[in-house]
């Protein structure tokens, strides 16, 4: 299997157990099952997943807003990182946002998450600002700033 192989597809309600398990096993602050379920049934939200065999190894959540779209989450299982899967998910999110004919794709990311920031900048996202102390403490660290980024689509 090449690094980026796997089935990329929209996730549905019956994918909730696998999605919740992926979130629990990830780093950071996982989404609660109720939040995941709400995203799966929201008509203005798309949850994409990548599967390898029967295993969900990555997902992304993008929401349609009145003029923009927002990447709300993207993650890849720890043992599958650095294989191009996040880039594949991000590419699918960008194409989805373009198909919605929105003006921009927005996101916020922990200011200390260098790999994610590099991925976003490599895809053409630009820095829009910073929210000081936005993220709660994580793994013994203090509060962390959120970097606001956007990708113009119109």
C-alpha atoms as a PDB file:
ATOM      1  CA  UNK A   1       0.000   0.000   0.000  1.00  0.00           C
ATOM      2  CA  UNK A   2       1.440   3.384  -0.943  1.00  0.00           C
ATOM      3  CA  UNK A   3       1.511   6.011   1.826  1.00  0.00           C
ATOM      4  CA  UNK A   4      -1.631   7.878   0.797  1.00  0.00           C
ATOM      5  CA  UNK A   5      -3.708   4.823  -0.116  1.00  0.00           C
ATOM      6  CA  UNK A   6      -6.949   4.172   1.615  1.00  0.00           C
ATOM      7  CA  UNK A   7     -10.590   4.772   0.907  1.00  0.00           C
ATOM      8  CA  UNK A   8     -11.666   8.410   1.280  1.00  0.00           C
ATOM      9  CA  UNK A   9     -15.413   8.768   1.839  1.00  0.00           C
ATOM     10  CA  UNK A  10     -18.058  10.798   3.659  1.00  0.00           C
ATOM     11  CA  UNK A  11     -18.801   9.304   7.068  1.00  0.00           C
ATOM     12  CA  UNK A  12     -22.334   8.496   8.256  1.00  0.00           C
ATOM     13  CA  UNK A  13     -24.084   7.876  11.537  1.00  0.00           C
ATOM     14  CA  UNK A  14     -23.099   4.209  11.613  1.00  0.00           C
ATOM     15  CA  UNK A  15     -19.438   5.328  11.504  1.00  0.00           C
ATOM     16  CA  UNK A  16     -19.788   7.014  14.916  1.00  0.00           C
ATOM     17  CA  UNK A  17     -18.163   4.189  16.969  1.00  0.00           C
ATOM     18  CA  UNK A  18     -15.052   4.124  14.743  1.00  0.00           C
ATOM     19  CA  UNK A  19     -14.908   7.935  14.653  1.00  0.00           C
ATOM     20  CA  UNK A  20     -15.183   8.192  18.441  1.00  0.00           C
ATOM     21  CA  UNK A  21     -12.459   5.548  18.866  1.00  0.00           C
ATOM     22  CA  UNK A  22     -10.147   7.459  16.518  1.00  0.00           C
ATOM     23  CA  UNK A  23     -10.755  10.666  18.487  1.00  0.00           C
ATOM     24  CA  UNK A  24     -10.056   8.941  21.828  1.00  0.00           C
ATOM     25  CA  UNK A  25      -6.785   7.510  20.538  1.00  0.00           C
ATOM     26  CA  UNK A  26      -5.611  10.817  19.097  1.00  0.00           C
ATOM     27  CA  UNK A  27      -3.530  13.477  20.765  1.00  0.00           C
ATOM     28  CA  UNK A  28      -4.995  16.496  22.424  1.00  0.00           C
ATOM     29  CA  UNK A  29      -8.553  17.318  23.289  1.00  0.00           C
ATOM     30  CA  UNK A  30     -10.908  14.793  21.627  1.00  0.00           C
ATOM     31  CA  UNK A  31     -14.395  15.628  20.476  1.00  0.00           C
ATOM     32  CA  UNK A  32     -17.116  14.068  22.618  1.00  0.00           C
ATOM     33  CA  UNK A  33     -19.310  11.428  20.958  1.00  0.00           C
ATOM     34  CA  UNK A  34     -22.254  13.854  21.084  1.00  0.00           C
ATOM     35  CA  UNK A  35     -20.265  16.477  19.153  1.00  0.00           C
ATOM     36  CA  UNK A  36     -19.263  13.895  16.561  1.00  0.00           C
ATOM     37  CA  UNK A  37     -22.831  12.672  16.203  1.00  0.00           C
ATOM     38  CA  UNK A  38     -24.072  16.245  15.732  1.00  0.00           C
ATOM     39  CA  UNK A  39     -21.497  16.804  12.985  1.00  0.00           C
ATOM     40  CA  UNK A  40     -22.493  13.587  11.228  1.00  0.00           C
ATOM     41  CA  UNK A  41     -26.179  14.581  11.015  1.00  0.00           C
ATOM     42  CA  UNK A  42     -25.778  18.329  10.344  1.00  0.00           C
ATOM     43  CA  UNK A  43     -26.733  19.032   6.703  1.00  0.00           C
ATOM     44  CA  UNK A  44     -24.216  21.905   6.582  1.00  0.00           C
ATOM     45  CA  UNK A  45     -21.311  19.794   7.840  1.00  0.00           C
ATOM     46  CA  UNK A  46     -19.310  17.130   6.039  1.00  0.00           C
ATOM     47  CA  UNK A  47     -17.251  14.562   7.922  1.00  0.00           C
ATOM     48  CA  UNK A  48     -14.743  12.825   5.676  1.00  0.00           C
ATOM     49  CA  UNK A  49     -12.842   9.716   6.642  1.00  0.00           C
ATOM     50  CA  UNK A  50      -9.949   7.652   5.330  1.00  0.00           C
ATOM     51  CA  UNK A  51     -10.070   3.912   5.892  1.00  0.00           C
ATOM     52  CA  UNK A  52      -7.391   1.325   5.427  1.00  0.00           C
ATOM     53  CA  UNK A  53      -9.030  -2.051   5.375  1.00  0.00           C
ATOM     54  CA  UNK A  54     -11.727  -1.952   8.032  1.00  0.00           C
ATOM     55  CA  UNK A  55      -9.890   0.678  10.111  1.00  0.00           C
ATOM     56  CA  UNK A  56     -10.701   4.382  10.145  1.00  0.00           C
ATOM     57  CA  UNK A  57      -7.266   6.071  10.196  1.00  0.00           C
ATOM     58  CA  UNK A  58      -8.148   9.728   9.653  1.00  0.00           C
ATOM     59  CA  UNK A  59     -10.962  12.213   9.453  1.00  0.00           C
ATOM     60  CA  UNK A  60     -11.757  15.846   8.722  1.00  0.00           C
ATOM     61  CA  UNK A  61     -14.789  17.961   9.613  1.00  0.00           C
ATOM     62  CA  UNK A  62     -15.765  20.948   7.463  1.00  0.00           C
ATOM     63  CA  UNK A  63     -18.813  23.168   8.016  1.00  0.00           C
ATOM     64  CA  UNK A  64     -20.546  25.389   5.473  1.00  0.00           C
ATOM     65  CA  UNK A  65     -21.193  28.927   6.721  1.00  0.00           C
ATOM     66  CA  UNK A  66     -23.124  31.687   4.946  1.00  0.00           C
ATOM     67  CA  UNK A  67     -20.104  32.961   2.941  1.00  0.00           C
ATOM     68  CA  UNK A  68     -17.213  30.799   4.111  1.00  0.00           C
ATOM     69  CA  UNK A  69     -16.447  27.248   5.158  1.00  0.00           C
ATOM     70  CA  UNK A  70     -14.584  26.262   8.303  1.00  0.00           C
ATOM     71  CA  UNK A  71     -12.248  23.333   8.775  1.00  0.00           C
ATOM     72  CA  UNK A  72     -13.255  22.338  12.285  1.00  0.00           C
ATOM     73  CA  UNK A  73     -11.048  19.279  12.737  1.00  0.00           C
ATOM     74  CA  UNK A  74      -8.524  17.149  10.935  1.00  0.00           C
ATOM     75  CA  UNK A  75      -6.607  14.243  12.420  1.00  0.00           C
ATOM     76  CA  UNK A  76      -4.756  11.089  11.478  1.00  0.00           C
ATOM     77  CA  UNK A  77      -4.063   8.099  13.736  1.00  0.00           C
ATOM     78  CA  UNK A  78      -0.650   8.343  15.361  1.00  0.00           C
ATOM     79  CA  UNK A  79       0.796   5.296  13.613  1.00  0.00           C
ATOM     80  CA  UNK A  80      -0.348   6.610  10.209  1.00  0.00           C
ATOM     81  CA  UNK A  81       1.061  10.130  10.408  1.00  0.00           C
ATOM     82  CA  UNK A  82       3.682  11.503   8.018  1.00  0.00           C
ATOM     83  CA  UNK A  83       2.288   9.395   5.181  1.00  0.00           C
ATOM     84  CA  UNK A  84       0.364  12.078   3.278  1.00  0.00           C
ATOM     85  CA  UNK A  85      -3.073  11.260   4.690  1.00  0.00           C
ATOM     86  CA  UNK A  86      -3.670  14.684   6.279  1.00  0.00           C
ATOM     87  CA  UNK A  87      -2.773  16.314   2.966  1.00  0.00           C
ATOM     88  CA  UNK A  88      -5.226  14.069   1.174  1.00  0.00           C
ATOM     89  CA  UNK A  89      -7.971  14.928   3.661  1.00  0.00           C
ATOM     90  CA  UNK A  90      -7.166  18.632   3.403  1.00  0.00           C
ATOM     91  CA  UNK A  91      -7.299  18.455  -0.404  1.00  0.00           C
ATOM     92  CA  UNK A  92     -10.752  16.869  -0.225  1.00  0.00           C
ATOM     93  CA  UNK A  93     -11.905  19.551   2.231  1.00  0.00           C
ATOM     94  CA  UNK A  94     -10.665  22.304  -0.109  1.00  0.00           C
ATOM     95  CA  UNK A  95     -12.479  20.727  -3.066  1.00  0.00           C
ATOM     96  CA  UNK A  96     -15.656  20.437  -0.991  1.00  0.00           C
ATOM     97  CA  UNK A  97     -15.451  24.103   0.003  1.00  0.00           C
ATOM     98  CA  UNK A  98     -14.930  25.065  -3.655  1.00  0.00           C
ATOM     99  CA  UNK A  99     -17.983  23.011  -4.646  1.00  0.00           C
ATOM    100  CA  UNK A 100     -19.987  24.960  -2.062  1.00  0.00           C
ATOM    101  CA  UNK A 101     -18.869  28.170  -3.850  1.00  0.00           C
ATOM    102  CA  UNK A 102     -17.773  29.846  -0.631  1.00  0.00           C
ATOM    103  CA  UNK A 103     -15.354  32.764  -0.559  1.00  0.00           C
ATOM    104  CA  UNK A 104     -12.827  31.347   1.930  1.00  0.00           C
ATOM    105  CA  UNK A 105     -11.925  28.273   3.896  1.00  0.00           C
ATOM    106  CA  UNK A 106     -11.166  29.223   7.503  1.00  0.00           C
ATOM    107  CA  UNK A 107      -9.414  27.371  10.305  1.00  0.00           C
ATOM    108  CA  UNK A 108      -7.744  27.861  13.649  1.00  0.00           C
ATOM    109  CA  UNK A 109      -4.802  25.837  14.875  1.00  0.00           C
ATOM    110  CA  UNK A 110      -2.728  25.697  18.043  1.00  0.00           C
ATOM    111  CA  UNK A 111       0.167  28.103  17.521  1.00  0.00           C
ATOM    112  CA  UNK A 112       2.582  25.374  18.644  1.00  0.00           C
ATOM    113  CA  UNK A 113       1.350  22.761  16.142  1.00  0.00           C
ATOM    114  CA  UNK A 114       4.182  23.228  13.624  1.00  0.00           C
ATOM    115  CA  UNK A 115       3.355  20.169  11.444  1.00  0.00           C
ATOM    116  CA  UNK A 116      -0.262  21.300  10.953  1.00  0.00           C
ATOM    117  CA  UNK A 117       0.765  24.903  10.272  1.00  0.00           C
ATOM    118  CA  UNK A 118       3.273  23.700   7.654  1.00  0.00           C
ATOM    119  CA  UNK A 119       0.541  21.579   6.017  1.00  0.00           C
ATOM    120  CA  UNK A 120      -1.848  24.525   5.863  1.00  0.00           C
ATOM    121  CA  UNK A 121       0.748  26.994   4.563  1.00  0.00           C
ATOM    122  CA  UNK A 122       1.810  24.444   1.950  1.00  0.00           C
ATOM    123  CA  UNK A 123      -1.805  24.322   0.749  1.00  0.00           C
ATOM    124  CA  UNK A 124      -1.887  28.124   0.379  1.00  0.00           C
ATOM    125  CA  UNK A 125      -3.434  29.197   3.680  1.00  0.00           C
ATOM    126  CA  UNK A 126      -2.363  32.590   4.989  1.00  0.00           C
ATOM    127  CA  UNK A 127      -2.218  33.900   8.550  1.00  0.00           C
ATOM    128  CA  UNK A 128      -5.134  36.153   9.492  1.00  0.00           C
ATOM    129  CA  UNK A 129      -4.508  36.753  13.184  1.00  0.00           C
ATOM    130  CA  UNK A 130      -4.139  35.224  16.585  1.00  0.00           C
ATOM    131  CA  UNK A 131      -6.439  34.556  19.539  1.00  0.00           C
ATOM    132  CA  UNK A 132      -4.333  34.868  22.662  1.00  0.00           C
ATOM    133  CA  UNK A 133      -4.765  32.071  25.215  1.00  0.00           C
ATOM    134  CA  UNK A 134      -7.608  30.522  23.218  1.00  0.00           C
ATOM    135  CA  UNK A 135      -6.829  26.840  23.787  1.00  0.00           C
ATOM    136  CA  UNK A 136      -7.047  25.374  27.300  1.00  0.00           C
ATOM    137  CA  UNK A 137      -3.978  23.759  28.898  1.00  0.00           C
ATOM    138  CA  UNK A 138      -2.960  20.458  27.365  1.00  0.00           C
ATOM    139  CA  UNK A 139      -0.495  17.829  28.613  1.00  0.00           C
ATOM    140  CA  UNK A 140       1.020  19.990  31.319  1.00  0.00           C
ATOM    141  CA  UNK A 141       1.397  23.080  29.135  1.00  0.00           C
ATOM    142  CA  UNK A 142      -0.328  26.383  29.776  1.00  0.00           C
ATOM    143  CA  UNK A 143      -3.014  27.981  27.646  1.00  0.00           C
ATOM    144  CA  UNK A 144      -2.040  28.301  24.004  1.00  0.00           C
ATOM    145  CA  UNK A 145      -2.765  30.860  21.302  1.00  0.00           C
ATOM    146  CA  UNK A 146      -4.848  29.971  18.264  1.00  0.00           C
ATOM    147  CA  UNK A 147      -3.439  30.943  14.894  1.00  0.00           C
ATOM    148  CA  UNK A 148      -6.247  32.008  12.534  1.00  0.00           C
ATOM    149  CA  UNK A 149      -5.714  31.084   8.896  1.00  0.00           C
ATOM    150  CA  UNK A 150      -7.686  31.248   5.675  1.00  0.00           C
ATOM    151  CA  UNK A 151      -7.524  30.106   2.077  1.00  0.00           C
ATOM    152  CA  UNK A 152      -9.198  32.432  -0.464  1.00  0.00           C
ATOM    153  CA  UNK A 153     -11.418  30.430  -2.844  1.00  0.00           C
ATOM    154  CA  UNK A 154     -13.372  33.071  -4.774  1.00  0.00           C
END
